[in-house]
Amino acid sequence: MKYTLAPKRVDLNSGGKFVAVLNDDTAQDIDVMSMDRVRISTAKNSATAIVDLSEHFIKENEIGCFSDLWNKLNPAKGEKVTVEPIEKPESLNYIKRKMDGDTLIPDEINRIINDVMLDNLSDVELTAFMTAVYIRKLTTSETLALTKSIVSSGTTLNLKNDIILDKHCIGGVPGNRTTMLLVPIIASAGLMIPKTSSRSITSPAGTADAMEVLAPVTLKENEIETIVRKANGCIVWGGGVNLAAADDKLIRIRHPLKMDPTGVLLASILAKKKAVGATHVLIDIPVGKGTKIYDMGHAKELANSFMDLGTKLDMEIHCIITPGYDPVGWAIGPALEARETLRILEGNEVSPDLIEKSVTMAGTLLEISKRANPGEGTMMARQILQSGKACEKMKEIIELQGGDPCVKSSDIHIGEKTLTIKSQDDGRIHYMSNSVLSAVARAAGAPKDKGAGIYLYVEKGDKIKKGQKLLDIFAESDRKLDVAAEIINREAPVEMEKVILEEMSTENKKPFVLEFK
């Protein structure tokens, strides 16, 4: 049954879901309760909204519309709307079945993702789904179906090339800006690599944050295709395009809960790779304290799952398991990381670890794509980097994305407020807390303040002298610099106490790659 009500704009955003507010008496009259759904229609537009209730804020025979719902309906001045109660989506039954431990078939998972895209599920219901797959886990068949559903939820790139390369890092390690070196190396070798990257969620900088210092990263799908056809590569923000669109909606639920169910993690990553048309993908799995993967056993299981699913998705997946016990590179923060990668591309031998990891990963992609002979990929990648070809390619990509191709590392603006932290004793660096370093850089303002962050002068295994410079903190305001200093003074001694209690190894750094599959 349909009812006619007067719409009232509520100047609040509902964060992606359409929310309508009814007076308690009106809700009772039309037989709906909080969290029920109603279909609201104007003469030209309609939308499904989730009901909220208010005793006084909304009058009888009114319906409050949050800003995003109001904009969708766009009612004419004085126009009333029709309101029709509708049944809850069928996908809720599938979510409940997953909570009970049942295995869902592909059509049922498709229904869930379809309702996610239509905003038919409330945050409570989506949270129930995430909790169910976190506790009950996804089977291989469910993970495969979820991956395909996420791919189908958005657009895909059509680069029409037999070989399209891509890479991904599971994350958790600050300063790991291999993408900004690997992409121009691969593109210089004549291979396509359309790299969509993330912004920071909990880290001081994502690849997209660092690349944005050099060029715009929010581009449309057709712009990405044009750039890649011209330059063979790009580095853009994945959230700025409609590729694997459902993934962003699932991440919005996962992030506050700090839940990363393995099946959802696999589907999230591989859906994005499939959406850009990747045929060969390298996955970097950092392992160690402070990363997302704490032990080798879990890392190996994850690598095997990636490769197994890749085969089912017609993608060739290779995995490397790398040590994640300290930052990769010296720089932490968008501008600092952008400056460091430019320094390396310009021929400066800064940050040996970042160089080594980048050329090793690029070399692996060159080998699996048959551009380099087995065992010769790293040497070929290093030669491309040292020759200056990668630097020229990066300038071309920067220009095509709308940046200044003449930019130099010395042009990058870094926060002018600085604080130097020095060693108080002689000794050796046995442990570096990624979590503390990330917290300090974020307190200093990163990633929102592009020039904020940390520049390191030591790494795990280094011998140090009393008074030696350990790191510089950069900020764009005195207040944020003071907060960052307070955190490092408070948290660093606590982390050191943990090291003593856990009797951590005093050996120097472990090998760069722990295992390759």
Protein backbone atom coordinates (compact mmCIF):
# COMPACT_ATOMS: atom_id res chain seq x y z
CA MET A 1 0.00 0.00 0.00
CA LYS A 2 1.26 3.48 -0.87
CA TYR A 3 1.08 6.58 1.33
CA THR A 4 1.50 10.28 0.52
CA LEU A 5 3.81 12.29 2.78
CA ALA A 6 5.50 15.69 2.73
CA PRO A 7 9.28 15.45 2.29
CA LYS A 8 11.54 17.41 4.64
CA ARG A 9 15.25 17.82 4.01
CA VAL A 10 17.58 16.74 6.82
CA ASP A 11 20.99 18.36 6.36
CA LEU A 12 23.00 15.30 7.30
CA ASN A 13 24.81 12.76 5.11
CA SER A 14 24.15 9.09 5.78
CA GLY A 15 27.53 7.91 4.46
CA GLY A 16 26.34 5.97 1.43
CA LYS A 17 23.01 4.55 2.62
CA PHE A 18 19.69 6.28 1.90
CA VAL A 19 18.02 7.05 5.24
CA ALA A 20 14.48 8.32 5.78
CA VAL A 21 13.12 9.50 9.14
CA LEU A 22 9.50 9.03 10.18
CA ASN A 23 7.53 10.25 13.15
CA ASP A 24 6.69 7.37 15.49
CA ASP A 25 2.95 7.81 14.92
CA THR A 26 3.33 7.94 11.14
CA ALA A 27 5.49 4.82 11.18
CA GLN A 28 2.83 3.02 13.17
CA ASP A 29 0.13 4.18 10.73
CA ILE A 30 1.97 2.77 7.69
CA ASP A 31 3.13 -0.31 9.63
CA VAL A 32 6.92 0.10 9.48
CA MET A 33 9.58 -0.06 12.17
CA SER A 34 13.15 1.15 12.54
CA MET A 35 15.49 -0.54 9.99
CA ASP A 36 12.57 -1.46 7.67
CA ARG A 37 12.72 -0.40 4.02
CA VAL A 38 10.44 1.96 2.13
CA ARG A 39 10.30 2.91 -1.53
CA ILE A 40 10.02 6.71 -1.89
CA SER A 41 8.96 8.20 -5.23
CA THR A 42 8.55 11.63 -6.76
CA ALA A 43 7.09 12.30 -10.18
CA LYS A 44 10.51 11.67 -11.75
CA ASN A 45 12.71 9.77 -9.30
CA SER A 46 12.58 7.01 -6.71
CA ALA A 47 14.86 5.37 -4.15
CA THR A 48 14.83 2.67 -1.50
CA ALA A 49 15.62 3.99 1.99
CA ILE A 50 16.17 2.51 5.44
CA VAL A 51 13.78 3.85 8.07
CA ASP A 52 14.81 5.64 11.23
CA LEU A 53 12.34 6.96 13.78
CA SER A 54 11.98 10.27 15.65
CA GLU A 55 9.36 11.23 18.21
CA HIS A 56 9.60 15.03 17.81
CA PHE A 57 12.06 15.94 15.03
CA ILE A 58 9.72 14.93 12.20
CA LYS A 59 6.02 15.79 12.30
CA GLU A 60 3.17 13.46 11.48
CA ASN A 61 2.62 12.95 7.73
CA GLU A 62 6.20 14.11 7.03
CA ILE A 63 9.19 12.07 5.93
CA GLY A 64 12.69 13.32 6.66
CA CYS A 65 15.25 12.73 3.91
CA PHE A 66 18.97 12.84 4.60
CA SER A 67 20.91 15.00 2.10
CA ASP A 68 22.02 12.19 -0.20
CA LEU A 69 18.48 10.79 -0.38
CA TRP A 70 17.04 14.28 -0.95
CA ASN A 71 19.47 14.86 -3.82
CA LYS A 72 18.54 11.51 -5.34
CA LEU A 73 14.80 12.24 -5.17
CA ASN A 74 15.17 15.94 -6.06
CA PRO A 75 11.50 16.78 -5.28
CA ALA A 76 9.98 19.89 -6.77
CA LYS A 77 9.05 22.71 -4.41
CA GLY A 78 5.88 21.77 -2.57
CA GLU A 79 5.78 18.28 -4.15
CA LYS A 80 4.69 15.40 -1.96
CA VAL A 81 6.15 11.93 -2.26
CA THR A 82 4.63 8.45 -2.25
CA VAL A 83 5.96 6.03 0.34
CA GLU A 84 5.54 2.27 0.03
CA PRO A 85 6.78 -0.29 2.60
CA ILE A 86 8.78 -3.07 0.96
CA GLU A 87 10.11 -6.40 2.13
CA LYS A 88 13.65 -6.78 3.40
CA PRO A 89 16.02 -8.10 0.72
CA GLU A 90 16.22 -11.86 0.20
CA SER A 91 19.98 -11.66 0.63
CA LEU A 92 19.43 -11.29 4.38
CA ASN A 93 18.39 -14.94 4.44
CA TYR A 94 21.73 -15.88 2.85
CA ILE A 95 23.63 -13.79 5.40
CA LYS A 96 21.81 -15.61 8.20
CA ARG A 97 22.63 -18.97 6.61
CA LYS A 98 26.31 -18.00 6.47
CA MET A 99 26.12 -17.07 10.15
CA ASP A 100 24.88 -20.62 10.76
CA GLY A 101 27.91 -22.02 8.94
CA ASP A 102 26.29 -22.94 5.61
CA THR A 103 28.19 -22.73 2.32
CA LEU A 104 26.65 -20.24 -0.12
CA ILE A 105 26.33 -20.88 -3.85
CA PRO A 106 27.48 -18.27 -6.40
CA ASP A 107 23.95 -16.97 -7.07
CA GLU A 108 23.44 -16.28 -3.36
CA ILE A 109 26.72 -14.39 -3.10
CA ASN A 110 25.78 -12.45 -6.24
CA ARG A 111 22.50 -11.46 -4.58
CA ILE A 112 24.36 -10.16 -1.52
CA ILE A 113 26.79 -8.10 -3.59
CA ASN A 114 23.97 -6.81 -5.79
CA ASP A 115 22.14 -5.56 -2.69
CA VAL A 116 25.41 -4.03 -1.45
CA MET A 117 25.63 -2.04 -4.70
CA LEU A 118 21.97 -0.98 -4.48
CA ASP A 119 22.51 0.12 -0.85
CA ASN A 120 19.71 -2.23 0.17
CA LEU A 121 21.63 -3.52 3.20
CA SER A 122 22.11 -1.49 6.35
CA ASP A 123 25.50 -1.18 8.04
CA VAL A 124 24.24 -3.53 10.76
CA GLU A 125 23.38 -6.17 8.16
CA LEU A 126 26.66 -5.74 6.30
CA THR A 127 28.52 -5.99 9.60
CA ALA A 128 26.68 -9.26 10.25
CA PHE A 129 27.90 -10.56 6.88
CA MET A 130 31.50 -9.53 7.59
CA THR A 131 31.34 -11.12 11.03
CA ALA A 132 29.91 -14.32 9.56
CA VAL A 133 32.69 -14.72 7.00
CA TYR A 134 35.29 -13.77 9.64
CA ILE A 135 34.12 -16.49 12.04
CA ARG A 136 32.81 -19.12 9.60
CA LYS A 137 35.35 -18.36 6.85
CA LEU A 138 34.80 -18.63 3.10
CA THR A 139 35.41 -21.81 1.13
CA THR A 140 37.45 -21.64 -2.06
CA SER A 141 34.27 -21.77 -4.14
CA GLU A 142 32.71 -18.94 -2.10
CA THR A 143 35.87 -16.82 -2.39
CA LEU A 144 35.93 -17.38 -6.16
CA ALA A 145 32.26 -16.41 -6.44
CA LEU A 146 32.81 -13.31 -4.27
CA THR A 147 35.76 -12.26 -6.45
CA LYS A 148 33.72 -12.57 -9.63
CA SER A 149 30.80 -10.71 -8.07
CA ILE A 150 33.03 -7.82 -7.01
CA VAL A 151 34.51 -7.62 -10.52
CA SER A 152 31.00 -7.55 -12.04
CA SER A 153 29.92 -4.78 -9.65
CA GLY A 154 31.90 -2.18 -11.58
CA THR A 155 33.53 -1.48 -14.90
CA THR A 156 36.67 -3.13 -16.30
CA LEU A 157 39.55 -1.78 -18.35
CA ASN A 158 39.80 -2.96 -21.96
CA LEU A 159 43.45 -2.54 -22.91
CA LYS A 160 43.36 -5.30 -25.55
CA ASN A 161 46.82 -6.65 -24.79
CA ASP A 162 47.96 -10.25 -24.44
CA ILE A 163 50.15 -9.52 -21.41
CA ILE A 164 49.11 -7.06 -18.70
CA LEU A 165 51.17 -6.99 -15.52
CA ASP A 166 50.24 -5.91 -12.01
CA LYS A 167 51.54 -6.14 -8.44
CA HIS A 168 50.16 -5.80 -4.96
CA CYS A 169 51.53 -5.64 -1.43
CA ILE A 170 49.47 -6.95 1.49
CA GLY A 171 50.70 -3.94 3.48
CA GLY A 172 51.69 -3.14 7.03
CA VAL A 173 55.22 -1.88 6.29
CA PRO A 174 55.88 1.90 6.22
CA GLY A 175 57.76 3.45 3.31
CA ASN A 176 57.16 0.52 0.97
CA ARG A 177 56.94 2.61 -2.21
CA THR A 178 58.13 -0.08 -4.65
CA THR A 179 55.27 0.71 -7.05
CA MET A 180 56.69 4.13 -7.92
CA LEU A 181 59.93 2.49 -9.05
CA LEU A 182 58.57 -0.78 -10.40
CA VAL A 183 55.94 0.75 -12.72
CA PRO A 184 58.34 2.96 -14.73
CA ILE A 185 60.85 0.09 -14.94
CA ILE A 186 58.24 -2.31 -16.33
CA ALA A 187 56.73 0.31 -18.63
CA SER A 188 60.22 1.14 -19.95
CA ALA A 189 60.62 -2.51 -20.92
CA GLY A 190 57.59 -2.21 -23.19
CA LEU A 191 55.13 -4.03 -20.94
CA MET A 192 51.73 -2.76 -19.80
CA ILE A 193 51.15 -2.18 -16.08
CA PRO A 194 47.96 -0.20 -15.25
CA LYS A 195 48.54 0.26 -11.52
CA THR A 196 45.60 1.25 -9.39
CA SER A 197 46.72 1.96 -5.84
CA SER A 198 45.11 2.77 -2.52
CA ARG A 199 45.16 5.81 -0.30
CA SER A 200 46.13 5.48 3.31
CA ILE A 201 43.62 3.94 5.68
CA THR A 202 45.72 3.53 8.82
CA SER A 203 49.23 4.15 7.48
CA PRO A 204 51.09 7.48 7.03
CA ALA A 205 50.81 7.18 3.24
CA GLY A 206 49.42 4.96 0.54
CA THR A 207 50.98 4.80 -2.91
CA ALA A 208 48.21 7.06 -4.25
CA ASP A 209 48.99 9.65 -1.54
CA ALA A 210 52.68 9.71 -2.50
CA MET A 211 52.02 9.77 -6.26
CA GLU A 212 49.57 12.64 -5.78
CA VAL A 213 52.51 14.81 -4.72
CA LEU A 214 53.76 14.45 -8.33
CA ALA A 215 50.54 14.25 -10.36
CA PRO A 216 46.74 13.90 -10.11
CA VAL A 217 45.69 10.35 -9.31
CA THR A 218 41.89 10.63 -9.56
CA LEU A 219 41.25 9.75 -13.19
CA LYS A 220 38.40 8.21 -15.18
CA GLU A 221 38.59 4.76 -16.75
CA ASN A 222 38.92 6.10 -20.31
CA GLU A 223 41.72 8.44 -19.19
CA ILE A 224 43.57 5.52 -17.60
CA GLU A 225 43.25 3.47 -20.80
CA THR A 226 44.59 6.36 -22.90
CA ILE A 227 47.57 6.91 -20.58
CA VAL A 228 48.49 3.22 -20.46
CA ARG A 229 48.26 2.85 -24.24
CA LYS A 230 50.65 5.80 -24.61
CA ALA A 231 53.09 5.17 -21.74
CA ASN A 232 52.47 1.47 -20.92
CA GLY A 233 51.81 2.38 -17.29
CA CYS A 234 50.07 4.61 -14.77
CA ILE A 235 49.82 5.05 -11.00
CA VAL A 236 46.30 6.12 -10.07
CA TRP A 237 43.92 5.97 -7.12
CA GLY A 238 41.75 2.87 -7.32
CA GLY A 239 39.00 4.52 -5.30
CA GLY A 240 38.58 7.19 -7.94
CA VAL A 241 37.28 4.78 -10.58
CA ASN A 242 34.40 2.34 -10.77
CA LEU A 243 36.61 -0.76 -10.94
CA ALA A 244 35.50 -3.56 -8.58
CA ALA A 245 33.14 -1.01 -7.05
CA ALA A 246 31.64 -3.26 -4.36
CA ASP A 247 35.05 -3.64 -2.73
CA ASP A 248 35.08 -0.04 -1.49
CA LYS A 249 31.71 -0.58 0.17
CA LEU A 250 32.96 -3.72 1.92
CA ILE A 251 36.17 -1.96 3.02
CA ARG A 252 34.05 0.77 4.63
CA ILE A 253 32.59 -1.90 6.92
CA ARG A 254 35.81 -3.88 7.47
CA HIS A 255 38.01 -0.96 8.41
CA PRO A 256 36.31 0.26 11.64
CA LEU A 257 36.03 -3.35 12.82
CA LYS A 258 39.67 -4.07 11.93
CA MET A 259 38.49 -7.33 10.42
CA ASP A 260 40.31 -8.78 7.41
CA PRO A 261 38.73 -12.19 6.73
CA THR A 262 41.13 -14.16 4.52
CA GLY A 263 38.52 -14.94 1.87
CA VAL A 264 37.43 -11.31 1.63
CA LEU A 265 41.08 -10.17 1.52
CA LEU A 266 41.78 -12.55 -1.38
CA ALA A 267 38.63 -11.52 -3.24
CA SER A 268 39.31 -7.82 -2.68
CA ILE A 269 42.83 -7.94 -4.11
CA LEU A 270 42.23 -10.32 -7.01
CA ALA A 271 39.01 -8.57 -8.08
CA LYS A 272 40.94 -5.33 -8.57
CA LYS A 273 43.59 -7.15 -10.59
CA LYS A 274 40.98 -8.87 -12.74
CA ALA A 275 39.16 -5.57 -13.27
CA VAL A 276 42.23 -3.97 -14.90
CA GLY A 277 42.68 -7.03 -17.12
CA ALA A 278 45.86 -8.33 -15.44
CA THR A 279 47.24 -11.60 -16.80
CA HIS A 280 50.36 -11.85 -14.60
CA VAL A 281 50.41 -10.60 -11.00
CA LEU A 282 53.10 -10.45 -8.33
CA ILE A 283 51.90 -10.43 -4.71
CA ASP A 284 54.24 -9.20 -1.96
CA ILE A 285 53.43 -10.70 1.45
CA PRO A 286 55.45 -8.99 4.20
CA VAL A 287 55.63 -11.13 7.32
CA GLY A 288 56.63 -10.29 10.87
CA LYS A 289 55.61 -8.36 13.96
CA GLY A 290 53.70 -5.21 13.11
CA THR A 291 52.50 -6.46 9.71
CA LYS A 292 49.16 -8.03 8.79
CA ILE A 293 50.76 -11.49 8.55
CA TYR A 294 52.61 -12.52 11.69
CA ASP A 295 54.16 -15.90 10.82
CA MET A 296 55.57 -17.85 7.90
CA GLY A 297 52.94 -20.57 8.13
CA HIS A 298 50.12 -18.11 7.56
CA ALA A 299 52.09 -16.37 4.80
CA LYS A 300 52.62 -19.66 2.92
CA GLU A 301 48.94 -20.58 3.21
CA LEU A 302 47.97 -17.17 1.86
CA ALA A 303 50.43 -17.46 -1.03
CA ASN A 304 49.02 -20.86 -1.99
CA SER A 305 45.47 -19.48 -1.86
CA PHE A 306 46.41 -16.55 -4.11
CA MET A 307 47.99 -18.85 -6.69
CA ASP A 308 45.12 -21.35 -6.59
CA LEU A 309 42.48 -18.65 -7.07
CA GLY A 310 44.59 -16.95 -9.73
CA THR A 311 44.53 -20.11 -11.80
CA LYS A 312 40.73 -20.29 -11.52
CA LEU A 313 40.52 -16.65 -12.63
CA ASP A 314 42.88 -17.17 -15.60
CA MET A 315 45.63 -15.08 -14.00
CA GLU A 316 49.18 -16.24 -13.35
CA ILE A 317 49.95 -15.32 -9.74
CA HIS A 318 53.43 -15.33 -8.20
CA CYS A 319 54.08 -14.52 -4.55
CA ILE A 320 57.11 -13.38 -2.61
CA ILE A 321 57.24 -13.50 1.17
CA THR A 322 59.38 -10.63 2.46
CA PRO A 323 60.57 -9.53 5.91
CA GLY A 324 58.36 -6.84 7.39
CA TYR A 325 60.07 -6.12 10.69
CA ASP A 326 61.16 -2.57 9.77
CA PRO A 327 60.37 0.09 7.15
CA VAL A 328 61.41 -0.30 3.51
CA GLY A 329 63.35 2.80 2.61
CA TRP A 330 64.22 5.82 4.71
CA ALA A 331 61.12 7.96 4.10
CA ILE A 332 57.67 7.75 5.72
CA GLY A 333 55.00 10.23 4.56
CA PRO A 334 53.66 11.28 1.12
CA ALA A 335 56.11 14.02 0.10
CA LEU A 336 59.11 12.36 1.73
CA GLU A 337 58.36 9.10 -0.07
CA ALA A 338 57.78 10.88 -3.39
CA ARG A 339 61.08 12.73 -2.97
CA GLU A 340 62.91 9.49 -2.17
CA THR A 341 61.61 7.66 -5.24
CA LEU A 342 62.54 10.63 -7.45
CA ARG A 343 66.04 10.67 -5.94
CA ILE A 344 66.45 7.01 -6.84
CA LEU A 345 65.10 7.51 -10.37
CA GLU A 346 67.49 10.45 -10.79
CA GLY A 347 70.40 8.10 -10.11
CA ASN A 348 71.10 8.67 -6.42
CA GLU A 349 72.00 5.54 -4.45
CA VAL A 350 69.72 6.37 -1.52
CA SER A 351 67.74 3.71 0.29
CA PRO A 352 69.47 0.50 -0.87
CA ASP A 353 66.66 -1.65 0.56
CA LEU A 354 63.97 0.12 -1.46
CA ILE A 355 66.08 -0.14 -4.62
CA GLU A 356 66.81 -3.83 -4.05
CA LYS A 357 63.21 -4.75 -3.33
CA SER A 358 61.94 -2.77 -6.33
CA VAL A 359 64.36 -4.23 -8.88
CA THR A 360 63.82 -7.74 -7.50
CA MET A 361 60.05 -7.42 -7.88
CA ALA A 362 60.34 -5.78 -11.30
CA GLY A 363 62.78 -8.50 -12.34
CA THR A 364 60.31 -11.19 -11.31
CA LEU A 365 57.60 -9.61 -13.46
CA LEU A 366 60.03 -9.38 -16.38
CA GLU A 367 60.76 -13.09 -16.04
CA ILE A 368 57.19 -14.36 -15.63
CA SER A 369 56.16 -12.30 -18.66
CA LYS A 370 59.06 -13.88 -20.62
CA ARG A 371 60.64 -10.48 -21.29
CA ALA A 372 63.75 -11.62 -19.41
CA ASN A 373 65.34 -15.07 -19.19
CA PRO A 374 65.02 -16.97 -15.90
CA GLY A 375 67.50 -15.59 -13.37
CA GLU A 376 68.22 -12.45 -15.42
CA GLY A 377 65.20 -10.30 -14.58
CA THR A 378 66.68 -8.44 -11.62
CA MET A 379 69.80 -7.53 -13.61
CA MET A 380 67.65 -6.26 -16.48
CA ALA A 381 65.49 -4.19 -14.11
CA ARG A 382 68.56 -2.71 -12.45
CA GLN A 383 70.04 -1.76 -15.83
CA ILE A 384 66.79 0.00 -16.83
CA LEU A 385 66.84 1.92 -13.54
CA GLN A 386 70.52 2.87 -13.78
CA SER A 387 70.29 3.87 -17.45
CA GLY A 388 67.80 6.65 -16.71
CA LYS A 389 65.07 5.06 -18.86
CA ALA A 390 62.84 4.51 -15.84
CA CYS A 391 63.25 8.17 -14.86
CA GLU A 392 62.21 9.33 -18.33
CA LYS A 393 59.24 6.97 -18.27
CA MET A 394 58.15 8.28 -14.88
CA LYS A 395 58.27 11.85 -16.23
CA GLU A 396 56.10 10.75 -19.16
CA ILE A 397 53.56 9.15 -16.82
CA ILE A 398 53.56 12.23 -14.57
CA GLU A 399 52.88 14.49 -17.57
CA LEU A 400 50.10 12.27 -18.97
CA GLN A 401 48.41 12.22 -15.56
CA GLY A 402 48.49 16.02 -15.46
CA GLY A 403 51.64 16.71 -13.42
CA ASP A 404 54.86 18.61 -14.14
CA PRO A 405 57.27 16.36 -16.07
CA CYS A 406 60.18 18.63 -15.14
CA VAL A 407 59.74 18.10 -11.40
CA LYS A 408 62.92 17.17 -9.51
CA SER A 409 63.39 15.66 -6.10
CA SER A 410 64.73 19.01 -4.87
CA ASP A 411 61.40 20.65 -5.82
CA ILE A 412 59.33 18.57 -3.39
CA HIS A 413 58.00 20.58 -0.46
CA ILE A 414 58.70 19.00 2.93
CA GLY A 415 57.22 20.19 6.22
CA GLU A 416 59.26 23.09 7.61
CA LYS A 417 58.79 22.20 11.28
CA THR A 418 61.40 19.60 12.22
CA LEU A 419 62.62 17.65 15.23
CA THR A 420 65.72 15.45 15.29
CA ILE A 421 65.81 12.34 17.50
CA LYS A 422 69.30 11.17 18.52
CA SER A 423 70.64 8.07 20.25
CA GLN A 424 71.16 8.33 23.99
CA ASP A 425 73.66 5.42 24.12
CA ASP A 426 76.06 3.31 22.07
CA GLY A 427 74.55 0.08 20.79
CA ARG A 428 72.89 -1.72 17.92
CA ILE A 429 69.42 -1.42 16.39
CA HIS A 430 67.75 -4.75 17.16
CA TYR A 431 64.14 -3.76 16.54
CA MET A 432 62.13 -1.00 14.87
CA SER A 433 58.44 -0.70 15.68
CA ASN A 434 56.48 -0.12 12.47
CA SER A 435 53.39 0.72 14.52
CA VAL A 436 55.16 3.43 16.57
CA LEU A 437 56.81 4.97 13.51
CA SER A 438 53.46 5.02 11.69
CA ALA A 439 51.72 6.58 14.70
CA VAL A 440 54.38 9.31 14.96
CA ALA A 441 54.18 10.13 11.24
CA ARG A 442 50.39 10.30 11.37
CA ALA A 443 50.49 12.49 14.47
CA ALA A 444 52.83 14.82 12.58
CA GLY A 445 50.07 15.22 9.98
CA ALA A 446 50.58 12.52 7.35
CA PRO A 447 48.95 11.72 5.02
CA LYS A 448 46.63 14.76 5.02
CA ASP A 449 49.61 17.11 5.36
CA LYS A 450 51.68 15.92 2.42
CA GLY A 451 54.93 17.32 3.82
CA ALA A 452 54.61 15.59 7.19
CA GLY A 453 56.35 12.37 8.16
CA ILE A 454 59.63 10.81 9.22
CA TYR A 455 63.03 10.43 7.60
CA LEU A 456 65.15 7.60 9.02
CA TYR A 457 68.94 7.39 9.20
CA VAL A 458 69.28 3.88 10.66
CA GLU A 459 67.79 0.43 10.12
CA LYS A 460 67.68 -2.92 11.90
CA GLY A 461 71.18 -4.31 12.45
CA ASP A 462 73.01 -0.94 12.41
CA LYS A 463 75.60 -0.14 15.08
CA ILE A 464 75.05 3.31 16.56
CA LYS A 465 76.97 5.77 18.70
CA LYS A 466 75.70 8.03 21.46
CA GLY A 467 74.47 11.29 19.97
CA GLN A 468 74.02 9.78 16.49
CA LYS A 469 71.04 11.01 14.48
CA LEU A 470 68.31 8.35 14.32
CA LEU A 471 65.47 10.16 12.57
CA ASP A 472 63.93 13.50 11.72
CA ILE A 473 60.24 14.27 12.23
CA PHE A 474 58.67 16.74 9.78
CA ALA A 475 55.40 18.61 10.31
CA GLU A 476 53.61 21.62 8.91
CA SER A 477 52.64 23.05 12.30
CA ASP A 478 54.31 23.33 15.69
CA ARG A 479 51.28 21.78 17.39
CA LYS A 480 51.41 18.58 15.33
CA LEU A 481 55.18 18.35 15.76
CA ASP A 482 54.72 18.53 19.53
CA VAL A 483 52.11 15.74 19.43
CA ALA A 484 54.41 13.55 17.34
CA ALA A 485 57.28 14.17 19.76
CA GLU A 486 55.06 13.27 22.70
CA ILE A 487 54.11 9.96 21.08
CA ILE A 488 57.65 8.90 20.30
CA ASN A 489 58.82 9.82 23.80
CA ARG A 490 55.95 7.87 25.33
CA GLU A 491 55.74 4.83 23.04
CA ALA A 492 59.37 4.14 22.13
CA PRO A 493 60.44 3.19 25.69
CA VAL A 494 57.41 0.89 25.96
CA GLU A 495 58.33 -0.86 22.73
CA MET A 496 61.93 -1.21 23.89
CA GLU A 497 60.70 -2.84 27.10
CA LYS A 498 58.74 -5.33 24.97
CA VAL A 499 61.92 -6.14 23.05
CA ILE A 500 63.76 -6.88 26.31
CA LEU A 501 60.93 -9.04 27.63
CA GLU A 502 60.63 -11.01 24.40
CA GLU A 503 64.42 -11.51 24.16
CA MET A 504 64.43 -10.71 20.48
CA SER A 505 67.33 -11.85 18.30
CA THR A 506 70.41 -9.65 18.11
CA GLU A 507 71.31 -10.87 14.62
CA ASN A 508 71.65 -8.46 11.73
CA LYS A 509 69.00 -8.14 9.05
CA LYS A 510 67.49 -11.28 7.52
CA PRO A 511 67.64 -12.01 3.79
CA PHE A 512 65.61 -9.67 1.60
CA VAL A 513 63.24 -12.35 0.25
CA LEU A 514 62.30 -15.03 2.75
CA GLU A 515 60.52 -17.25 0.25
CA PHE A 516 59.39 -17.17 -3.38
CA LYS A 517 56.55 -19.12 -4.94
